[in-house]
Protein backbone atom coordinates (compact mmCIF):
# COMPACT_ATOMS: atom_id res chain seq x y z
CA MET A 1 -23.13 17.49 -17.42
CA SER A 2 -21.02 18.74 -14.53
CA SER A 3 -17.52 20.01 -15.12
CA SER A 4 -14.62 17.65 -14.50
CA PRO A 5 -13.16 18.01 -10.99
CA THR A 6 -9.50 18.78 -10.50
CA VAL A 7 -7.28 16.81 -8.16
CA GLU A 8 -6.99 19.88 -5.92
CA GLN A 9 -10.77 20.17 -5.69
CA LEU A 10 -11.10 16.51 -4.79
CA GLN A 11 -8.40 16.76 -2.15
CA ALA A 12 -10.10 19.80 -0.60
CA GLU A 13 -13.49 18.04 -0.65
CA PHE A 14 -12.19 14.94 1.10
CA ALA A 15 -10.15 17.04 3.53
CA ILE A 16 -13.46 18.33 4.88
CA LEU A 17 -14.70 14.76 5.42
CA TYR A 18 -11.37 13.48 6.70
CA PRO A 19 -9.42 16.38 8.19
CA PRO A 20 -5.74 15.70 8.80
CA PRO A 21 -4.79 15.03 12.42
CA PRO A 22 -3.31 17.99 14.33
CA PRO A 23 0.48 17.98 14.46
CA ALA A 24 1.94 16.49 17.58
CA ALA A 25 3.15 19.03 20.11
CA VAL A 26 6.91 19.33 20.26
CA VAL A 27 8.23 19.43 23.82
CA GLU A 28 11.65 21.00 23.98
CA LYS A 29 13.98 19.41 26.48
CA PRO A 30 16.21 21.73 28.51
CA ALA A 31 19.82 21.73 27.47
CA PRO A 32 21.97 19.59 29.76
CA ALA A 33 24.35 21.38 32.11
CA PRO A 34 27.92 21.44 30.83
CA GLU A 35 30.21 18.88 32.41
CA PRO A 36 33.16 20.20 34.43
CA ALA A 37 36.46 20.21 32.60
CA PRO A 38 38.74 17.33 33.64
CA ALA A 39 41.80 18.16 35.73
CA PRO A 40 45.00 18.41 33.67
CA VAL A 41 47.21 15.31 33.74
CA VAL A 42 50.88 16.01 34.36
CA PRO A 43 52.95 13.37 32.55
CA LYS A 44 55.61 11.61 34.60
CA PRO A 45 59.15 11.84 33.29
CA ALA A 46 60.25 8.67 31.52
CA PRO A 47 63.10 6.76 33.24
CA ALA A 48 66.44 7.06 31.52
CA ALA A 49 67.59 4.10 29.47
CA ASP A 50 70.97 2.47 30.11
CA ALA A 51 73.82 2.55 27.68
CA ALA A 52 72.46 -0.42 25.70
CA GLY A 53 69.17 1.41 25.20
CA ALA A 54 67.17 -0.94 27.45
CA ALA A 55 64.73 0.47 29.94
CA PRO A 56 65.71 0.03 33.59
CA GLU A 57 64.07 -2.64 35.71
CA GLY A 58 60.67 -1.70 37.12
CA ALA A 59 59.95 0.74 34.30
CA ALA A 60 56.38 0.48 32.90
CA ALA A 61 56.00 -0.91 29.40
CA ALA A 62 54.68 1.33 26.66
CA PRO A 63 50.83 1.26 26.47
CA ALA A 64 49.31 -1.03 23.82
CA ALA A 65 47.62 0.53 20.82
CA ALA A 66 43.87 1.08 21.17
CA PRO A 67 41.74 -1.49 19.31
CA ALA A 68 40.15 -0.39 16.04
CA PRO A 69 36.49 0.64 16.41
CA LYS A 70 33.92 -1.94 15.35
CA PRO A 71 32.00 -1.15 12.16
CA ALA A 72 28.41 0.02 12.59
CA PRO A 73 25.85 -2.80 12.21
CA LYS A 74 24.12 -2.96 8.84
CA PRO A 75 20.38 -2.29 8.77
CA PRO A 76 18.24 -5.43 8.49
CA VAL A 77 17.27 -6.47 4.98
CA GLY A 78 13.66 -7.42 4.45
CA PRO A 79 10.15 -6.06 3.78
CA ILE A 80 9.08 -2.89 5.53
CA LEU A 81 6.12 -3.39 7.84
CA GLN A 82 3.70 -0.66 6.85
CA ALA A 83 1.38 0.48 9.61
CA GLU A 84 -2.18 1.46 8.82
CA PRO A 85 -2.15 4.83 7.03
CA PRO A 86 -4.16 7.66 8.58
CA VAL A 87 -7.46 8.59 6.93
CA GLY A 88 -7.30 11.46 4.45
CA ALA A 89 -6.46 12.36 0.86
CA THR A 90 -2.93 12.84 -0.46
CA VAL A 91 -1.95 14.15 -3.89
CA VAL A 92 0.73 11.91 -5.38
CA ASP A 93 3.00 12.01 -8.42
CA PHE A 94 1.15 10.35 -11.29
CA ALA A 95 4.38 9.56 -13.17
CA ALA A 96 5.71 7.65 -10.15
CA ARG A 97 2.51 6.05 -8.80
CA GLY A 98 0.10 5.77 -11.74
CA PHE A 99 -2.69 7.72 -10.03
CA ASN A 100 -3.32 11.28 -8.83
CA LEU A 101 -4.97 11.03 -5.42
CA ASP A 102 -4.55 8.48 -2.62
CA LEU A 103 -7.52 8.36 -0.24
CA SER A 104 -7.52 6.25 2.95
CA ILE A 105 -10.90 5.86 4.65
CA PRO A 106 -12.63 3.75 7.31
CA ALA A 107 -14.11 0.55 5.87
CA ALA A 108 -17.60 1.64 6.92
CA ASP A 109 -17.40 4.62 4.52
CA VAL A 110 -16.77 2.74 1.25
CA VAL A 111 -20.38 3.12 0.07
CA ALA A 112 -20.62 6.84 0.90
CA VAL A 113 -17.33 7.54 -0.90
CA ALA A 114 -18.40 5.43 -3.90
CA GLU A 115 -21.64 7.41 -4.15
CA ARG A 116 -19.72 10.68 -3.95
CA LEU A 117 -17.35 9.59 -6.73
CA TYR A 118 -20.27 8.37 -8.83
CA GLY A 119 -21.73 11.86 -8.52
CA HIS A 120 -18.45 13.23 -9.91
CA GLU A 121 -18.78 10.81 -12.88
CA PHE A 122 -15.96 8.51 -11.82
CA SER A 123 -16.00 4.86 -12.87
CA LEU A 124 -14.69 1.86 -10.96
CA ASP A 125 -11.72 0.55 -12.92
CA THR A 126 -10.62 -2.36 -10.74
CA MET A 127 -10.10 -3.44 -7.15
CA THR A 128 -7.90 -5.86 -5.25
CA GLY A 129 -6.73 -6.84 -1.78
CA VAL A 130 -3.49 -6.78 0.22
CA ASP A 131 -2.70 -9.20 3.03
CA TRP A 132 -0.87 -7.46 5.90
CA LEU A 133 -0.24 -10.74 7.70
CA LYS A 134 2.04 -9.45 10.48
CA LEU A 135 -0.34 -6.60 11.24
CA GLY A 136 -3.39 -8.88 11.33
CA GLN A 137 -5.14 -6.77 8.67
CA MET A 138 -6.53 -7.00 5.16
CA GLU A 139 -6.56 -4.00 2.86
CA VAL A 140 -9.06 -3.41 0.06
CA VAL A 141 -7.90 -1.12 -2.75
CA TYR A 142 -10.37 0.49 -5.18
CA ASP A 143 -9.09 2.11 -8.40
CA TYR A 144 -11.36 4.80 -9.83
CA VAL A 145 -10.93 6.66 -13.12
CA HIS A 146 -12.55 9.80 -14.50
CA PHE A 147 -12.56 9.24 -18.26
CA ALA A 148 -13.31 12.85 -19.22
CA SER A 149 -10.34 14.30 -17.32
CA GLY A 150 -8.07 11.25 -17.04
CA LEU A 151 -7.86 11.59 -13.26
CA ARG A 152 -7.18 8.40 -11.33
CA LEU A 153 -8.01 8.01 -7.67
CA VAL A 154 -7.17 5.16 -5.29
CA VAL A 155 -9.39 4.49 -2.28
CA ARG A 156 -8.04 2.11 0.37
CA CYS A 157 -9.32 0.80 3.67
CA ARG A 158 -8.36 -1.95 6.12
CA VAL A 159 -10.34 -4.58 7.99
CA PRO A 160 -9.33 -7.12 10.64
CA ARG A 161 -7.75 -10.20 9.11
CA ASP A 162 -9.69 -12.55 11.38
CA ASN A 163 -13.01 -10.97 10.33
CA PRO A 164 -12.47 -9.35 6.91
CA GLU A 165 -15.87 -7.82 6.16
CA LEU A 166 -17.05 -4.53 4.65
CA PRO A 167 -20.10 -3.36 2.69
CA THR A 168 -20.53 -4.07 -1.01
CA ILE A 169 -20.53 -1.14 -3.46
CA SER A 170 -22.11 -3.25 -6.23
CA HIS A 171 -25.37 -1.28 -6.01
CA VAL A 172 -23.39 1.90 -6.83
CA PHE A 173 -21.00 0.48 -9.44
CA GLN A 174 -22.29 -2.71 -11.05
CA GLY A 175 -18.76 -3.65 -12.15
CA ALA A 176 -18.02 -4.34 -8.50
CA LEU A 177 -20.16 -7.47 -8.79
CA TRP A 178 -17.23 -9.13 -10.57
CA HIS A 179 -14.36 -7.38 -8.76
CA GLU A 180 -15.69 -8.20 -5.30
CA ARG A 181 -16.12 -11.87 -6.22
CA GLU A 182 -12.53 -12.02 -7.49
CA THR A 183 -11.19 -10.29 -4.36
CA HIS A 184 -13.16 -12.70 -2.21
CA ASP A 185 -11.73 -15.63 -4.19
CA PHE A 186 -8.12 -14.66 -3.66
CA PHE A 187 -8.15 -13.02 -0.21
CA GLY A 188 -11.29 -14.29 1.55
CA ILE A 189 -12.62 -10.76 2.09
CA ARG A 190 -16.41 -10.77 2.45
CA PHE A 191 -18.52 -8.01 0.92
CA LEU A 192 -21.72 -7.75 2.93
CA GLY A 193 -24.83 -7.29 0.81
CA HIS A 194 -23.31 -8.73 -2.37
CA PRO A 195 -26.12 -10.65 -4.11
CA ASN A 196 -23.99 -13.58 -5.33
CA LEU A 197 -20.63 -13.85 -3.54
CA VAL A 198 -19.74 -17.28 -4.95
CA PRO A 199 -16.38 -18.32 -6.46
CA PHE A 200 -15.59 -16.45 -9.66
CA LEU A 201 -12.22 -17.82 -10.83
CA LEU A 202 -11.77 -20.69 -8.35
CA PRO A 203 -13.60 -24.03 -8.32
CA GLU A 204 -17.15 -23.89 -7.02
CA ASP A 205 -16.24 -25.92 -3.94
CA ALA A 206 -13.05 -23.97 -3.14
CA THR A 207 -12.59 -23.17 0.54
CA TYR A 208 -9.10 -21.63 0.19
CA HIS A 209 -7.82 -18.18 -0.80
CA PRO A 210 -4.51 -18.43 -2.67
CA LEU A 211 -3.24 -14.85 -2.29
CA ARG A 212 -3.26 -14.96 1.50
CA LYS A 213 0.33 -15.01 2.71
CA ASP A 214 -0.27 -18.08 4.87
CA PHE A 215 -1.76 -20.10 1.99
CA ALA A 216 -0.11 -23.54 2.00
CA GLY A 217 -1.77 -25.04 -1.08
CA ALA A 218 -5.18 -26.35 -2.01
CA SER A 219 -6.32 -29.60 -0.46
CA ASP A 220 -7.21 -32.47 -2.80
């Protein structure tokens, strides 16, 4: 039996397959030339008031007070639109996230990554989908667990929402036979090569997918 991998070893292994993108070059802008100092303003002497304290005719009225500045606009309240994450592995805080390593990959690589994790004696714990409606994407999330070490690893990938297809991993992890059917039920994601991708929890004649964000209800 092989020794249990550490999260650092897994991150280094996947960093070879999915190297991080090079940092963007920082172009320094030249400092702007200093503006010339404004010419000094010599105040005009105020006209003398008469004995009653009133200003003489033709004298300018005192300037009005400047209006109070408007408050800064509040940031919009609503969900944050999350763009597609770059491929690669990131170590995360288990106490905060519930897993140790977050791995984003191209959808075409799900089988190769599943086979690699199977070789490290990981098991498929569960899987689900996420509907990124405004981005026109569907995300598939695989949760893997290594029972000997307790390590948990999340693998995620995205597919176009108008053609949500990716390969099945059911020939690597047989538990995916059930998980892929459930994900297809709720999100309409198709797993190519699955031997029996029929409704699992929905009626046999269901043509709807209730966890899509544009789901308006099942037809009678």
